[in-house]
Structure formats: C-alpha cells, structure tokens
C-alpha cells in the first residue's frame, strides 16, 4: 500500500488527480433486469469506462456483460460481496482482464420490509451484511488499486430512508443499514482523500425498480408522487446521472458528501 509521503506533488498538482486514459469502473448490483445497476453500467459504457460488472446472480452478470461487450471492455464477475475471499478473488480477475480500477459504484443492496417488532436477528444481520459490509469489502479492495493509480472515485448508495426511518416498504433494518453506509462513506472520504480518492453517497428516494417490491403500478406511483414536490417517482436514469458526475474528473473536490436524489421528498 502506498503512503501519502511517497508522492511528490511539487509543480502541477493537477497531475496527481489525472485519470488514466484507460480506466475501469466496478459496478455492483447489476444482476436485476430492472435495477439501477444496469442503467448505470450502460451510461458508463457510453462514457468510455471499461466495466467490471458484479452481482451474486451469475446469469444476470453474464447477460449484462454480453450486452455491453460490443461497446466497451466488460467483465462479468459473479461475487458474494459479503464474503471477503470472494471479493479478493474477484479483484484479482479484474486486474488480469481490465485497465486500472479508478471507479467503484456500490449499488448492490437488499430491502427489508419487516416491521421493527417482528424483525429477526437474521434479517437484521443480512441487511447489514449486504448493504454495509459488502460496501466495505468492495471499498477496501478497490481503494488498494486506486492508491496505485493515484486517483479514485467511490460512490456508495445509501437511501432517503437512512434519514427518515423508512416507509411503506423498506423499514427499520434497511434504514439502519443504509445509515451505516453514510458513516462508512464519511470515514472513507477522510482516510482515502489524501491518496487522491474521493468517496460520496447517493440517497435515492422512491425509484421505480424491483427493490420497491416489484414493478410499481400506476396507482402506487400516484400515491408515492403525492408527497414529492416534482410530482413523480424517480427513474434509474436519475441515479445514473448523479453517479456519472461523481465518478468523473470534474468531481475531484467533492468528497464526503451526501446527495439526495428524491425529487424533494425530504427537504430539511
């Protein structure tokens, strides 16, 4: 691992944070056909990123990797992000197949609609394992590579429920685990910033994906939209646009920040 003192930054400091011409973004949570992960991956492919596509679902990973392989270098890797050995092995494969890792987008997550008083320890632990521990393990492996390059962008996915405690579908365990992601993001931003690596969090509001309990009906969309000033639920493209900015070269001075992408659902 590099030490900050190994760097000489005399002269043009912008060179420290320059992106390599060929670079890879690792995107988790790409297995679901109607998830945010695939939309993010498609956008990053259009923007010139090579992609390591990660999910526990091998069939989903293979499907999106095949789709994108015609437009960019794309490697599908079936990984249990809650298992450290799996994550370490996955990054070894990425190292062999793709350009240097510069970006990490932690989108993999699991919902939990169980009310507080019915919540089991197993459900609580699973929520933390996927939503928080999985993000941690991905960050640790990705950051090692970013330190070698001298620049990196980490984008974590929290949720508006981390701030409001949850809604009609995802409740306490989800809210708590997504709040943990905010603390993880801030810690990563502080500790990795000196190495040219930024870490930021996106807090989506209601997004029309299957994590909401299946495809939203028009009636459910109307009910959810009633409390949102812009008058609609979000789409995966709304999240992809924010990811694109935070992963880009222009976001080098944005670090440790939280971005609500919720149409103004929670204004405070």
C-alpha atoms as a PDB file:
ATOM      1  CA  UNK A   1       0.000   0.000   0.000  1.00  0.00           C
ATOM      2  CA  UNK A   2       1.259   3.464  -0.859  1.00  0.00           C
ATOM      3  CA  UNK A   3       1.899   6.064   1.765  1.00  0.00           C
ATOM      4  CA  UNK A   4       0.962   9.693   1.149  1.00  0.00           C
ATOM      5  CA  UNK A   5       4.568  10.559   1.759  1.00  0.00           C
ATOM      6  CA  UNK A   6       5.611   8.530  -1.283  1.00  0.00           C
ATOM      7  CA  UNK A   7       4.225  11.234  -3.561  1.00  0.00           C
ATOM      8  CA  UNK A   8       5.985  14.282  -4.884  1.00  0.00           C
ATOM      9  CA  UNK A   9       3.393  16.944  -5.689  1.00  0.00           C
ATOM     10  CA  UNK A  10       5.691  19.864  -6.474  1.00  0.00           C
ATOM     11  CA  UNK A  11       4.730  21.712  -9.608  1.00  0.00           C
ATOM     12  CA  UNK A  12       1.426  20.833 -11.273  1.00  0.00           C
ATOM     13  CA  UNK A  13      -0.724  19.327  -8.532  1.00  0.00           C
ATOM     14  CA  UNK A  14      -3.480  18.516 -11.050  1.00  0.00           C
ATOM     15  CA  UNK A  15      -1.278  15.697 -12.346  1.00  0.00           C
ATOM     16  CA  UNK A  16      -1.802  13.875  -9.060  1.00  0.00           C
ATOM     17  CA  UNK A  17      -5.505  13.525  -9.781  1.00  0.00           C
ATOM     18  CA  UNK A  18      -5.375  12.934 -13.535  1.00  0.00           C
ATOM     19  CA  UNK A  19      -7.390   9.999 -14.824  1.00  0.00           C
ATOM     20  CA  UNK A  20      -5.537   7.373 -16.855  1.00  0.00           C
ATOM     21  CA  UNK A  21      -6.613   7.203 -20.484  1.00  0.00           C
ATOM     22  CA  UNK A  22      -7.882   3.659 -19.950  1.00  0.00           C
ATOM     23  CA  UNK A  23      -9.764   3.108 -16.719  1.00  0.00           C
ATOM     24  CA  UNK A  24     -12.198   0.688 -15.141  1.00  0.00           C
ATOM     25  CA  UNK A  25     -15.279   1.233 -13.037  1.00  0.00           C
ATOM     26  CA  UNK A  26     -16.501  -1.601 -10.841  1.00  0.00           C
ATOM     27  CA  UNK A  27     -20.283  -1.596 -10.549  1.00  0.00           C
ATOM     28  CA  UNK A  28     -22.121  -3.860  -8.117  1.00  0.00           C
ATOM     29  CA  UNK A  29     -25.788  -4.790  -8.206  1.00  0.00           C
ATOM     30  CA  UNK A  30     -26.082  -5.299 -11.961  1.00  0.00           C
ATOM     31  CA  UNK A  31     -27.948  -8.594 -11.868  1.00  0.00           C
ATOM     32  CA  UNK A  32     -31.544  -7.338 -11.805  1.00  0.00           C
ATOM     33  CA  UNK A  33     -33.009  -6.534 -15.249  1.00  0.00           C
ATOM     34  CA  UNK A  34     -34.974  -3.626 -13.751  1.00  0.00           C
ATOM     35  CA  UNK A  35     -32.350  -2.394 -11.330  1.00  0.00           C
ATOM     36  CA  UNK A  36     -30.333   0.796 -11.156  1.00  0.00           C
ATOM     37  CA  UNK A  37     -27.078  -1.110 -11.704  1.00  0.00           C
ATOM     38  CA  UNK A  38     -27.713  -1.942 -15.339  1.00  0.00           C
ATOM     39  CA  UNK A  39     -28.738   1.602 -16.204  1.00  0.00           C
ATOM     40  CA  UNK A  40     -25.603   2.956 -14.528  1.00  0.00           C
ATOM     41  CA  UNK A  41     -23.429   0.414 -16.351  1.00  0.00           C
ATOM     42  CA  UNK A  42     -24.905   1.349 -19.729  1.00  0.00           C
ATOM     43  CA  UNK A  43     -24.266   5.025 -19.131  1.00  0.00           C
ATOM     44  CA  UNK A  44     -20.685   4.474 -18.007  1.00  0.00           C
ATOM     45  CA  UNK A  45     -20.053   2.299 -21.068  1.00  0.00           C
ATOM     46  CA  UNK A  46     -21.202   5.193 -23.279  1.00  0.00           C
ATOM     47  CA  UNK A  47     -18.822   7.482 -21.395  1.00  0.00           C
ATOM     48  CA  UNK A  48     -15.769   5.364 -22.155  1.00  0.00           C
ATOM     49  CA  UNK A  49     -15.317   3.367 -18.973  1.00  0.00           C
ATOM     50  CA  UNK A  50     -14.227  -0.247 -19.043  1.00  0.00           C
ATOM     51  CA  UNK A  51     -16.521  -2.131 -16.702  1.00  0.00           C
ATOM     52  CA  UNK A  52     -16.294  -4.860 -14.097  1.00  0.00           C
ATOM     53  CA  UNK A  53     -19.889  -5.947 -13.564  1.00  0.00           C
ATOM     54  CA  UNK A  54     -20.522  -7.539 -10.173  1.00  0.00           C
ATOM     55  CA  UNK A  55     -23.518  -9.341  -8.717  1.00  0.00           C
ATOM     56  CA  UNK A  56     -24.286 -12.531  -6.824  1.00  0.00           C
ATOM     57  CA  UNK A  57     -26.509 -13.649  -9.720  1.00  0.00           C
ATOM     58  CA  UNK A  58     -24.255 -15.293 -12.299  1.00  0.00           C
ATOM     59  CA  UNK A  59     -26.890 -15.325 -15.038  1.00  0.00           C
ATOM     60  CA  UNK A  60     -27.612 -11.631 -14.626  1.00  0.00           C
ATOM     61  CA  UNK A  61     -23.917 -10.755 -14.661  1.00  0.00           C
ATOM     62  CA  UNK A  62     -23.349 -12.751 -17.836  1.00  0.00           C
ATOM     63  CA  UNK A  63     -26.334 -11.118 -19.530  1.00  0.00           C
ATOM     64  CA  UNK A  64     -25.289  -7.503 -18.958  1.00  0.00           C
ATOM     65  CA  UNK A  65     -21.618  -8.262 -19.702  1.00  0.00           C
ATOM     66  CA  UNK A  66     -22.597  -9.738 -23.072  1.00  0.00           C
ATOM     67  CA  UNK A  67     -24.818  -6.753 -23.816  1.00  0.00           C
ATOM     68  CA  UNK A  68     -22.063  -4.207 -23.158  1.00  0.00           C
ATOM     69  CA  UNK A  69     -19.115  -6.112 -24.602  1.00  0.00           C
ATOM     70  CA  UNK A  70     -19.806  -4.692 -28.052  1.00  0.00           C
ATOM     71  CA  UNK A  71     -19.269  -1.114 -26.873  1.00  0.00           C
ATOM     72  CA  UNK A  72     -16.589  -1.406 -24.170  1.00  0.00           C
ATOM     73  CA  UNK A  73     -14.364  -3.869 -22.343  1.00  0.00           C
ATOM     74  CA  UNK A  74     -16.783  -5.569 -19.955  1.00  0.00           C
ATOM     75  CA  UNK A  75     -16.101  -8.358 -17.484  1.00  0.00           C
ATOM     76  CA  UNK A  76     -18.918 -10.054 -15.612  1.00  0.00           C
ATOM     77  CA  UNK A  77     -17.971 -11.407 -12.201  1.00  0.00           C
ATOM     78  CA  UNK A  78     -20.378 -13.382 -10.022  1.00  0.00           C
ATOM     79  CA  UNK A  79     -19.458 -12.411  -6.468  1.00  0.00           C
ATOM     80  CA  UNK A  80     -20.915 -12.694  -2.998  1.00  0.00           C
ATOM     81  CA  UNK A  81     -19.869  -9.248  -1.816  1.00  0.00           C
ATOM     82  CA  UNK A  82     -20.420 -10.255   1.813  1.00  0.00           C
ATOM     83  CA  UNK A  83     -17.583 -12.806   1.590  1.00  0.00           C
ATOM     84  CA  UNK A  84     -14.108 -11.289   1.786  1.00  0.00           C
ATOM     85  CA  UNK A  85     -12.382 -14.139  -0.046  1.00  0.00           C
ATOM     86  CA  UNK A  86     -14.853 -13.847  -2.932  1.00  0.00           C
ATOM     87  CA  UNK A  87     -14.244 -10.125  -3.221  1.00  0.00           C
ATOM     88  CA  UNK A  88     -10.455 -10.500  -3.155  1.00  0.00           C
ATOM     89  CA  UNK A  89     -10.610 -13.200  -5.846  1.00  0.00           C
ATOM     90  CA  UNK A  90     -12.913 -11.047  -7.964  1.00  0.00           C
ATOM     91  CA  UNK A  91     -10.499  -8.136  -7.961  1.00  0.00           C
ATOM     92  CA  UNK A  92      -7.659 -10.446  -8.966  1.00  0.00           C
ATOM     93  CA  UNK A  93      -9.707 -11.373 -12.043  1.00  0.00           C
ATOM     94  CA  UNK A  94     -10.415  -7.714 -12.735  1.00  0.00           C
ATOM     95  CA  UNK A  95      -6.695  -6.889 -12.503  1.00  0.00           C
ATOM     96  CA  UNK A  96      -5.899  -9.530 -15.122  1.00  0.00           C
ATOM     97  CA  UNK A  97      -8.625  -8.577 -17.582  1.00  0.00           C
ATOM     98  CA  UNK A  98      -9.194  -4.821 -17.460  1.00  0.00           C
ATOM     99  CA  UNK A  99      -7.418  -1.446 -17.180  1.00  0.00           C
ATOM    100  CA  UNK A 100      -6.688   0.057 -13.753  1.00  0.00           C
ATOM    101  CA  UNK A 101      -9.601   0.443 -11.371  1.00  0.00           C
ATOM    102  CA  UNK A 102     -10.406   4.126 -10.913  1.00  0.00           C
ATOM    103  CA  UNK A 103     -14.122   3.970 -10.070  1.00  0.00           C
ATOM    104  CA  UNK A 104     -16.311   1.957  -7.713  1.00  0.00           C
ATOM    105  CA  UNK A 105     -20.091   2.181  -7.631  1.00  0.00           C
ATOM    106  CA  UNK A 106     -21.647   0.268  -4.739  1.00  0.00           C
ATOM    107  CA  UNK A 107     -25.235  -0.330  -5.849  1.00  0.00           C
ATOM    108  CA  UNK A 108     -25.869  -3.833  -4.543  1.00  0.00           C
ATOM    109  CA  UNK A 109     -28.477  -3.825  -1.819  1.00  0.00           C
ATOM    110  CA  UNK A 110     -31.250  -5.763  -0.183  1.00  0.00           C
ATOM    111  CA  UNK A 111     -34.567  -4.440   1.083  1.00  0.00           C
ATOM    112  CA  UNK A 112     -36.269  -5.467   4.307  1.00  0.00           C
ATOM    113  CA  UNK A 113     -39.985  -4.675   4.752  1.00  0.00           C
ATOM    114  CA  UNK A 114     -40.294  -6.380   8.149  1.00  0.00           C
ATOM    115  CA  UNK A 115     -41.658  -4.076  10.894  1.00  0.00           C
ATOM    116  CA  UNK A 116     -39.439  -3.363  13.884  1.00  0.00           C
ATOM    117  CA  UNK A 117     -41.265  -5.530  16.387  1.00  0.00           C
ATOM    118  CA  UNK A 118     -41.304  -8.508  14.035  1.00  0.00           C
ATOM    119  CA  UNK A 119     -37.709  -8.130  12.882  1.00  0.00           C
ATOM    120  CA  UNK A 120     -35.437 -11.134  13.406  1.00  0.00           C
ATOM    121  CA  UNK A 121     -31.734 -11.015  14.120  1.00  0.00           C
ATOM    122  CA  UNK A 122     -31.159 -12.952  10.891  1.00  0.00           C
ATOM    123  CA  UNK A 123     -32.958 -10.271   8.846  1.00  0.00           C
ATOM    124  CA  UNK A 124     -31.064  -7.518  10.654  1.00  0.00           C
ATOM    125  CA  UNK A 125     -27.702  -9.205  10.044  1.00  0.00           C
ATOM    126  CA  UNK A 126     -28.466  -9.879   6.386  1.00  0.00           C
ATOM    127  CA  UNK A 127     -29.379  -6.239   5.813  1.00  0.00           C
ATOM    128  CA  UNK A 128     -26.063  -5.127   7.291  1.00  0.00           C
ATOM    129  CA  UNK A 129     -24.082  -7.843   5.513  1.00  0.00           C
ATOM    130  CA  UNK A 130     -25.233  -6.840   2.046  1.00  0.00           C
ATOM    131  CA  UNK A 131     -25.805  -3.116   2.406  1.00  0.00           C
ATOM    132  CA  UNK A 132     -22.924  -2.153   4.698  1.00  0.00           C
ATOM    133  CA  UNK A 133     -20.331  -4.941   4.954  1.00  0.00           C
ATOM    134  CA  UNK A 134     -20.461  -5.636   1.224  1.00  0.00           C
ATOM    135  CA  UNK A 135     -19.773  -1.973   0.501  1.00  0.00           C
ATOM    136  CA  UNK A 136     -16.865  -2.002   2.956  1.00  0.00           C
ATOM    137  CA  UNK A 137     -15.217  -5.041   1.386  1.00  0.00           C
ATOM    138  CA  UNK A 138     -15.579  -3.619  -2.113  1.00  0.00           C
ATOM    139  CA  UNK A 139     -14.073  -0.316  -0.984  1.00  0.00           C
ATOM    140  CA  UNK A 140     -11.083  -1.972   0.655  1.00  0.00           C
ATOM    141  CA  UNK A 141     -10.145  -3.926  -2.454  1.00  0.00           C
ATOM    142  CA  UNK A 142     -10.889  -1.095  -4.891  1.00  0.00           C
ATOM    143  CA  UNK A 143      -9.020   1.519  -2.859  1.00  0.00           C
ATOM    144  CA  UNK A 144      -5.832  -0.549  -2.924  1.00  0.00           C
ATOM    145  CA  UNK A 145      -5.887  -0.326  -6.712  1.00  0.00           C
ATOM    146  CA  UNK A 146      -6.787   3.365  -6.716  1.00  0.00           C
ATOM    147  CA  UNK A 147      -3.856   4.164  -4.439  1.00  0.00           C
ATOM    148  CA  UNK A 148      -1.515   2.666  -7.007  1.00  0.00           C
ATOM    149  CA  UNK A 149      -3.038   4.818  -9.758  1.00  0.00           C
ATOM    150  CA  UNK A 150      -3.088   7.943  -7.608  1.00  0.00           C
ATOM    151  CA  UNK A 151      -6.740   8.759  -8.177  1.00  0.00           C
ATOM    152  CA  UNK A 152     -10.113   7.187  -7.479  1.00  0.00           C
ATOM    153  CA  UNK A 153     -13.829   7.777  -7.193  1.00  0.00           C
ATOM    154  CA  UNK A 154     -16.077   5.818  -4.820  1.00  0.00           C
ATOM    155  CA  UNK A 155     -19.843   6.208  -4.990  1.00  0.00           C
ATOM    156  CA  UNK A 156     -21.910   4.475  -2.321  1.00  0.00           C
ATOM    157  CA  UNK A 157     -25.655   4.026  -2.374  1.00  0.00           C
ATOM    158  CA  UNK A 158     -27.471   4.873   0.818  1.00  0.00           C
ATOM    159  CA  UNK A 159     -31.179   5.757   0.821  1.00  0.00           C
ATOM    160  CA  UNK A 160     -33.503   8.528   1.867  1.00  0.00           C
ATOM    161  CA  UNK A 161     -34.736   6.010   4.444  1.00  0.00           C
ATOM    162  CA  UNK A 162     -31.435   6.485   6.287  1.00  0.00           C
ATOM    163  CA  UNK A 163     -32.747   9.946   7.170  1.00  0.00           C
ATOM    164  CA  UNK A 164     -36.472   9.363   7.603  1.00  0.00           C
ATOM    165  CA  UNK A 165     -36.544   5.841   9.076  1.00  0.00           C
ATOM    166  CA  UNK A 166     -38.211   4.053   6.205  1.00  0.00           C
ATOM    167  CA  UNK A 167     -41.573   3.986   4.518  1.00  0.00           C
ATOM    168  CA  UNK A 168     -44.273   1.609   3.419  1.00  0.00           C
ATOM    169  CA  UNK A 169     -41.885  -0.995   2.025  1.00  0.00           C
ATOM    170  CA  UNK A 170     -38.375  -0.880   3.481  1.00  0.00           C
ATOM    171  CA  UNK A 171     -38.364  -0.288   7.193  1.00  0.00           C
ATOM    172  CA  UNK A 172     -36.015  -0.227  10.189  1.00  0.00           C
ATOM    173  CA  UNK A 173     -33.340  -2.775   9.253  1.00  0.00           C
ATOM    174  CA  UNK A 174     -32.936  -1.239   5.798  1.00  0.00           C
ATOM    175  CA  UNK A 175     -32.908   2.299   7.190  1.00  0.00           C
ATOM    176  CA  UNK A 176     -30.293   1.409   9.808  1.00  0.00           C
ATOM    177  CA  UNK A 177     -28.010  -0.386   7.371  1.00  0.00           C
ATOM    178  CA  UNK A 178     -28.252   2.468   4.883  1.00  0.00           C
ATOM    179  CA  UNK A 179     -27.414   4.924   7.658  1.00  0.00           C
ATOM    180  CA  UNK A 180     -24.301   2.835   8.295  1.00  0.00           C
ATOM    181  CA  UNK A 181     -23.363   3.404   4.645  1.00  0.00           C
ATOM    182  CA  UNK A 182     -23.310   7.150   5.319  1.00  0.00           C
ATOM    183  CA  UNK A 183     -20.840   6.693   8.167  1.00  0.00           C
ATOM    184  CA  UNK A 184     -18.748   4.381   6.012  1.00  0.00           C
ATOM    185  CA  UNK A 185     -18.703   6.975   3.236  1.00  0.00           C
ATOM    186  CA  UNK A 186     -17.540   9.761   5.516  1.00  0.00           C
ATOM    187  CA  UNK A 187     -14.835   7.589   7.051  1.00  0.00           C
ATOM    188  CA  UNK A 188     -13.606   6.534   3.624  1.00  0.00           C
ATOM    189  CA  UNK A 189     -13.618  10.135   2.409  1.00  0.00           C
ATOM    190  CA  UNK A 190     -11.471  11.252   5.326  1.00  0.00           C
ATOM    191  CA  UNK A 191      -8.993   8.372   5.217  1.00  0.00           C
ATOM    192  CA  UNK A 192      -8.664   7.991   1.459  1.00  0.00           C
ATOM    193  CA  UNK A 193      -8.770  11.657   0.450  1.00  0.00           C
ATOM    194  CA  UNK A 194      -5.004  12.132   0.948  1.00  0.00           C
ATOM    195  CA  UNK A 195      -4.456   9.452  -1.718  1.00  0.00           C
ATOM    196  CA  UNK A 196      -6.476  11.288  -4.358  1.00  0.00           C
ATOM    197  CA  UNK A 197      -9.561   9.147  -3.741  1.00  0.00           C
ATOM    198  CA  UNK A 198     -12.982  10.655  -3.113  1.00  0.00           C
ATOM    199  CA  UNK A 199     -15.981   8.933  -1.541  1.00  0.00           C
ATOM    200  CA  UNK A 200     -19.541  10.209  -1.748  1.00  0.00           C
ATOM    201  CA  UNK A 201     -23.011   8.843  -1.109  1.00  0.00           C
ATOM    202  CA  UNK A 202     -26.220   8.995  -3.106  1.00  0.00           C
ATOM    203  CA  UNK A 203     -29.516   8.841  -1.228  1.00  0.00           C
ATOM    204  CA  UNK A 204     -32.246   7.806  -3.661  1.00  0.00           C
ATOM    205  CA  UNK A 205     -35.872   8.434  -2.888  1.00  0.00           C
ATOM    206  CA  UNK A 206     -38.549   6.167  -4.361  1.00  0.00           C
ATOM    207  CA  UNK A 207     -37.146   4.760  -7.602  1.00  0.00           C
ATOM    208  CA  UNK A 208     -39.156   2.610  -9.987  1.00  0.00           C
ATOM    209  CA  UNK A 209     -37.192  -0.633  -9.617  1.00  0.00           C
ATOM    210  CA  UNK A 210     -37.955  -4.113  -8.358  1.00  0.00           C
ATOM    211  CA  UNK A 211     -36.414  -3.356  -4.940  1.00  0.00           C
ATOM    212  CA  UNK A 212     -39.646  -1.469  -4.237  1.00  0.00           C
ATOM    213  CA  UNK A 213     -41.423  -4.814  -4.071  1.00  0.00           C
ATOM    214  CA  UNK A 214     -41.888  -5.322  -7.794  1.00  0.00           C
ATOM    215  CA  UNK A 215     -42.852  -3.064 -10.661  1.00  0.00           C
ATOM    216  CA  UNK A 216     -44.816  -0.078  -9.429  1.00  0.00           C
ATOM    217  CA  UNK A 217     -48.418   0.133 -10.555  1.00  0.00           C
ATOM    218  CA  UNK A 218     -49.832   3.445 -11.741  1.00  0.00           C
ATOM    219  CA  UNK A 219     -51.815   3.632  -8.504  1.00  0.00           C
ATOM    220  CA  UNK A 220     -48.713   3.133  -6.341  1.00  0.00           C
ATOM    221  CA  UNK A 221     -46.786   5.691  -8.380  1.00  0.00           C
ATOM    222  CA  UNK A 222     -49.584   8.205  -7.853  1.00  0.00           C
ATOM    223  CA  UNK A 223     -49.647   7.575  -4.110  1.00  0.00           C
ATOM    224  CA  UNK A 224     -45.875   7.966  -3.804  1.00  0.00           C
ATOM    225  CA  UNK A 225     -45.765  11.029  -6.051  1.00  0.00           C
ATOM    226  CA  UNK A 226     -48.274  12.872  -3.866  1.00  0.00           C
ATOM    227  CA  UNK A 227     -45.570  13.638  -1.310  1.00  0.00           C
ATOM    228  CA  UNK A 228     -42.845  14.560  -3.801  1.00  0.00           C
ATOM    229  CA  UNK A 229     -42.630  18.207  -4.945  1.00  0.00           C
ATOM    230  CA  UNK A 230     -41.579  17.346  -8.508  1.00  0.00           C
ATOM    231  CA  UNK A 231     -44.658  15.144  -8.777  1.00  0.00           C
ATOM    232  CA  UNK A 232     -43.197  11.805  -9.775  1.00  0.00           C
ATOM    233  CA  UNK A 233     -41.205   8.837  -8.557  1.00  0.00           C
ATOM    234  CA  UNK A 234     -37.608   8.581  -9.681  1.00  0.00           C
ATOM    235  CA  UNK A 235     -36.197   6.560 -12.535  1.00  0.00           C
ATOM    236  CA  UNK A 236     -32.878   4.695 -12.642  1.00  0.00           C
ATOM    237  CA  UNK A 237     -31.610   7.295 -15.135  1.00  0.00           C
ATOM    238  CA  UNK A 238     -31.905   9.928 -12.391  1.00  0.00           C
ATOM    239  CA  UNK A 239     -29.443   7.983 -10.266  1.00  0.00           C
ATOM    240  CA  UNK A 240     -27.173   7.182 -13.209  1.00  0.00           C
ATOM    241  CA  UNK A 241     -26.787  10.892 -13.954  1.00  0.00           C
ATOM    242  CA  UNK A 242     -25.562  11.595 -10.422  1.00  0.00           C
ATOM    243  CA  UNK A 243     -23.229   8.600 -10.496  1.00  0.00           C
ATOM    244  CA  UNK A 244     -21.783   9.834 -13.774  1.00  0.00           C
ATOM    245  CA  UNK A 245     -20.914  13.207 -12.261  1.00  0.00           C
ATOM    246  CA  UNK A 246     -19.455  11.856  -9.031  1.00  0.00           C
ATOM    247  CA  UNK A 247     -17.348   9.327 -10.932  1.00  0.00           C
ATOM    248  CA  UNK A 248     -15.962  11.933 -13.308  1.00  0.00           C
ATOM    249  CA  UNK A 249     -12.820  14.037 -13.328  1.00  0.00           C
ATOM    250  CA  UNK A 250     -14.777  17.208 -12.551  1.00  0.00           C
ATOM    251  CA  UNK A 251     -15.826  15.859  -9.138  1.00  0.00           C
ATOM    252  CA  UNK A 252     -12.324  15.761  -7.688  1.00  0.00           C
ATOM    253  CA  UNK A 253     -13.129  18.328  -4.976  1.00  0.00           C
ATOM    254  CA  UNK A 254     -16.408  16.701  -3.956  1.00  0.00           C
ATOM    255  CA  UNK A 255     -15.674  14.407  -1.044  1.00  0.00           C
ATOM    256  CA  UNK A 256     -17.605  13.009   1.900  1.00  0.00           C
ATOM    257  CA  UNK A 257     -20.863  14.467   0.633  1.00  0.00           C
ATOM    258  CA  UNK A 258     -24.426  13.160   0.614  1.00  0.00           C
ATOM    259  CA  UNK A 259     -26.657  13.728  -2.416  1.00  0.00           C
ATOM    260  CA  UNK A 260     -30.385  13.267  -2.081  1.00  0.00           C
ATOM    261  CA  UNK A 261     -31.911  12.224  -5.397  1.00  0.00           C
ATOM    262  CA  UNK A 262     -35.515  12.181  -4.251  1.00  0.00           C
ATOM    263  CA  UNK A 263     -37.368  14.951  -6.074  1.00  0.00           C
ATOM    264  CA  UNK A 264     -37.508  16.939  -2.852  1.00  0.00           C
ATOM    265  CA  UNK A 265     -39.335  14.259  -0.881  1.00  0.00           C
ATOM    266  CA  UNK A 266     -37.257  15.059   2.198  1.00  0.00           C
ATOM    267  CA  UNK A 267     -36.319  18.713   2.463  1.00  0.00           C
ATOM    268  CA  UNK A 268     -34.627  19.688   5.692  1.00  0.00           C
END
